[in-house]
């Protein structure tokens, strides 16, 4: 069941963009799960998996955020170990 929730949470932002709505998948709130449950009125019987903040987009277009290249922040079989190509 958790896998299905994660799949939906991952795909929801893409679908919302086509409707002029910005969304993102975040799990940072899970560090404060009891507080989030209290604020949002989530019952104790519900397992939180992700939080999807959404809002109408007011800019001209969607574009990728500036990010470090994945190879600069990806570790292979241990922290600080980089994959060598070739």
C-alpha atoms as a PDB file:
ATOM      1  CA  UNK A   1       0.000   0.000   0.000  1.00  0.00           C
ATOM      2  CA  UNK A   2       2.832   2.429   0.827  1.00  0.00           C
ATOM      3  CA  UNK A   3       4.349   1.826  -2.613  1.00  0.00           C
ATOM      4  CA  UNK A   4       1.100   2.864  -4.296  1.00  0.00           C
ATOM      5  CA  UNK A   5       0.906   6.040  -2.195  1.00  0.00           C
ATOM      6  CA  UNK A   6       4.464   6.956  -3.121  1.00  0.00           C
ATOM      7  CA  UNK A   7       3.747   6.337  -6.818  1.00  0.00           C
ATOM      8  CA  UNK A   8       0.740   8.668  -6.715  1.00  0.00           C
ATOM      9  CA  UNK A   9       2.629  11.313  -4.732  1.00  0.00           C
ATOM     10  CA  UNK A  10       5.437  11.195  -7.283  1.00  0.00           C
ATOM     11  CA  UNK A  11       3.108  11.588 -10.289  1.00  0.00           C
ATOM     12  CA  UNK A  12       0.689  14.177  -8.867  1.00  0.00           C
ATOM     13  CA  UNK A  13       2.907  17.250  -9.431  1.00  0.00           C
ATOM     14  CA  UNK A  14       3.303  16.407 -13.132  1.00  0.00           C
ATOM     15  CA  UNK A  15      -0.434  16.119 -13.642  1.00  0.00           C
ATOM     16  CA  UNK A  16      -1.145  19.317 -11.755  1.00  0.00           C
ATOM     17  CA  UNK A  17       1.265  21.364 -13.917  1.00  0.00           C
ATOM     18  CA  UNK A  18      -0.935  20.760 -16.960  1.00  0.00           C
ATOM     19  CA  UNK A  19      -3.775  22.452 -15.071  1.00  0.00           C
ATOM     20  CA  UNK A  20      -1.776  25.526 -14.035  1.00  0.00           C
ATOM     21  CA  UNK A  21      -1.192  24.265 -10.531  1.00  0.00           C
ATOM     22  CA  UNK A  22       2.260  23.997  -8.996  1.00  0.00           C
ATOM     23  CA  UNK A  23       2.920  21.084  -6.645  1.00  0.00           C
ATOM     24  CA  UNK A  24       5.853  19.268  -5.112  1.00  0.00           C
ATOM     25  CA  UNK A  25       6.427  16.073  -3.194  1.00  0.00           C
ATOM     26  CA  UNK A  26       7.998  16.569   0.210  1.00  0.00           C
ATOM     27  CA  UNK A  27       8.650  14.324   3.179  1.00  0.00           C
ATOM     28  CA  UNK A  28      10.400  16.900   5.380  1.00  0.00           C
ATOM     29  CA  UNK A  29       7.306  17.212   7.530  1.00  0.00           C
ATOM     30  CA  UNK A  30       7.762  13.600   8.632  1.00  0.00           C
ATOM     31  CA  UNK A  31      10.470  14.807  11.023  1.00  0.00           C
ATOM     32  CA  UNK A  32       7.568  16.496  12.827  1.00  0.00           C
ATOM     33  CA  UNK A  33       4.886  13.935  12.049  1.00  0.00           C
ATOM     34  CA  UNK A  34       2.946  14.296  15.333  1.00  0.00           C
ATOM     35  CA  UNK A  35       2.840  18.090  14.943  1.00  0.00           C
ATOM     36  CA  UNK A  36       1.735  17.804  11.304  1.00  0.00           C
ATOM     37  CA  UNK A  37      -1.000  15.373  12.314  1.00  0.00           C
ATOM     38  CA  UNK A  38      -2.254  17.716  15.018  1.00  0.00           C
ATOM     39  CA  UNK A  39      -2.209  20.823  12.780  1.00  0.00           C
ATOM     40  CA  UNK A  40      -3.866  19.063   9.824  1.00  0.00           C
ATOM     41  CA  UNK A  41      -6.289  16.981  11.891  1.00  0.00           C
ATOM     42  CA  UNK A  42      -4.848  13.650  10.701  1.00  0.00           C
ATOM     43  CA  UNK A  43      -6.058  10.759  12.907  1.00  0.00           C
ATOM     44  CA  UNK A  44      -3.511   8.590  14.740  1.00  0.00           C
ATOM     45  CA  UNK A  45      -4.667   5.616  12.654  1.00  0.00           C
ATOM     46  CA  UNK A  46      -3.318   7.195   9.436  1.00  0.00           C
ATOM     47  CA  UNK A  47       0.297   6.723   8.312  1.00  0.00           C
ATOM     48  CA  UNK A  48       1.749   9.844   6.728  1.00  0.00           C
ATOM     49  CA  UNK A  49       3.805   9.133   3.609  1.00  0.00           C
ATOM     50  CA  UNK A  50       4.159  12.485   1.838  1.00  0.00           C
ATOM     51  CA  UNK A  51       2.894  16.037   1.881  1.00  0.00           C
ATOM     52  CA  UNK A  52       1.895  17.636  -1.415  1.00  0.00           C
ATOM     53  CA  UNK A  53       1.751  21.424  -1.169  1.00  0.00           C
ATOM     54  CA  UNK A  54      -0.214  22.812  -4.141  1.00  0.00           C
ATOM     55  CA  UNK A  55      -0.966  26.326  -5.380  1.00  0.00           C
ATOM     56  CA  UNK A  56      -2.086  28.039  -8.549  1.00  0.00           C
ATOM     57  CA  UNK A  57       0.932  29.043 -10.588  1.00  0.00           C
ATOM     58  CA  UNK A  58       1.131  32.769 -11.353  1.00  0.00           C
ATOM     59  CA  UNK A  59       4.326  32.848 -13.436  1.00  0.00           C
ATOM     60  CA  UNK A  60       4.836  32.599 -17.175  1.00  0.00           C
ATOM     61  CA  UNK A  61       6.002  28.979 -17.364  1.00  0.00           C
ATOM     62  CA  UNK A  62       7.330  26.005 -15.471  1.00  0.00           C
ATOM     63  CA  UNK A  63      11.021  25.289 -15.755  1.00  0.00           C
ATOM     64  CA  UNK A  64      13.517  23.045 -13.997  1.00  0.00           C
ATOM     65  CA  UNK A  65      15.202  24.431 -10.908  1.00  0.00           C
ATOM     66  CA  UNK A  66      18.954  24.908 -10.969  1.00  0.00           C
ATOM     67  CA  UNK A  67      20.546  21.833  -9.440  1.00  0.00           C
ATOM     68  CA  UNK A  68      23.948  20.301  -8.971  1.00  0.00           C
ATOM     69  CA  UNK A  69      24.679  17.538 -11.462  1.00  0.00           C
ATOM     70  CA  UNK A  70      23.631  14.177 -10.018  1.00  0.00           C
ATOM     71  CA  UNK A  71      27.192  12.820 -10.291  1.00  0.00           C
ATOM     72  CA  UNK A  72      28.302  15.499  -7.792  1.00  0.00           C
ATOM     73  CA  UNK A  73      25.898  14.308  -5.116  1.00  0.00           C
ATOM     74  CA  UNK A  74      25.494  10.602  -5.826  1.00  0.00           C
ATOM     75  CA  UNK A  75      27.527   8.092  -3.801  1.00  0.00           C
ATOM     76  CA  UNK A  76      28.181   4.485  -4.903  1.00  0.00           C
ATOM     77  CA  UNK A  77      28.501   1.691  -2.338  1.00  0.00           C
ATOM     78  CA  UNK A  78      29.672   4.119   0.361  1.00  0.00           C
ATOM     79  CA  UNK A  79      29.707   7.783   1.327  1.00  0.00           C
ATOM     80  CA  UNK A  80      32.037   9.853  -0.830  1.00  0.00           C
ATOM     81  CA  UNK A  81      32.637   7.073  -3.361  1.00  0.00           C
ATOM     82  CA  UNK A  82      32.060   8.277  -6.915  1.00  0.00           C
ATOM     83  CA  UNK A  83      31.290   6.117  -9.924  1.00  0.00           C
ATOM     84  CA  UNK A  84      34.025   6.125 -12.507  1.00  0.00           C
ATOM     85  CA  UNK A  85      32.961   5.818 -16.122  1.00  0.00           C
ATOM     86  CA  UNK A  86      34.940   4.166 -18.834  1.00  0.00           C
END
